[in-house]
Amino acid sequence: MKHSPIEIDGLVYNFEHLQKTSMEVASEKAKKNLIVGISFTNHCYTVAHDPSCYPKEWPILHDGGGRARAFCLERYGLSKQMLPSLVTQLNCPQAVVQQTVQRRNWVYSTALDTDAGRYNVFFELRRAAKNSGRDLEMIVESAYPRSEPAAVLGKMKFIMLCGKTFLGLPVATRR
């Protein structure tokens, strides 16, 4: 997804930090280094649009499903300050992610230095298309602060999740 700059009251907000990238994950399970393509949706810096909460000239974007989303300064600030580095920090043997109750995606959660609680990064991981030059695709679907924990089923080390996903093995976690 291409993220075009947004201008509000003469200030330009760019999204260079959220452009598509990749990382190499050393997977013992897959017996190879996996190339993981990483992309970010606009849910990382927008919220569901409520016309009563924003001035008429406030930037409205649409997500992949065509739903209206409002630019969110808090989410944007956290995405710029933390999001890309948190995603790359998953590429270490100790990094643990949790399967959400929807079972189609995962969450990585870290404490914030504010009273907002935790910064939750929700992502989907799947095998990449053949001839894409990548082994896996990681789509960061959303990232936002939340005071209560996300609803999860169980946990798994991120590197193990990459190996199992690449091999087409079940990724269900223990309940």
Foldseek 3Di string as FASTA:
>chain_A
DADQWDDDPRDIQGDPLQAKDWDWACAPLQNGTFIEIEHEWCQLFWAQDDPVVDPPPFDWDATPVRGTTGGHPQSSVCCVVPVVVVVVVLRDQVQKWFQAPVNQKIWGWDADPDQLGIKIWIWGKAADDPPPPGGIYIYRYYIDGHNDDGHGAAMDRPSVVNSCRSVVHDDDHHD
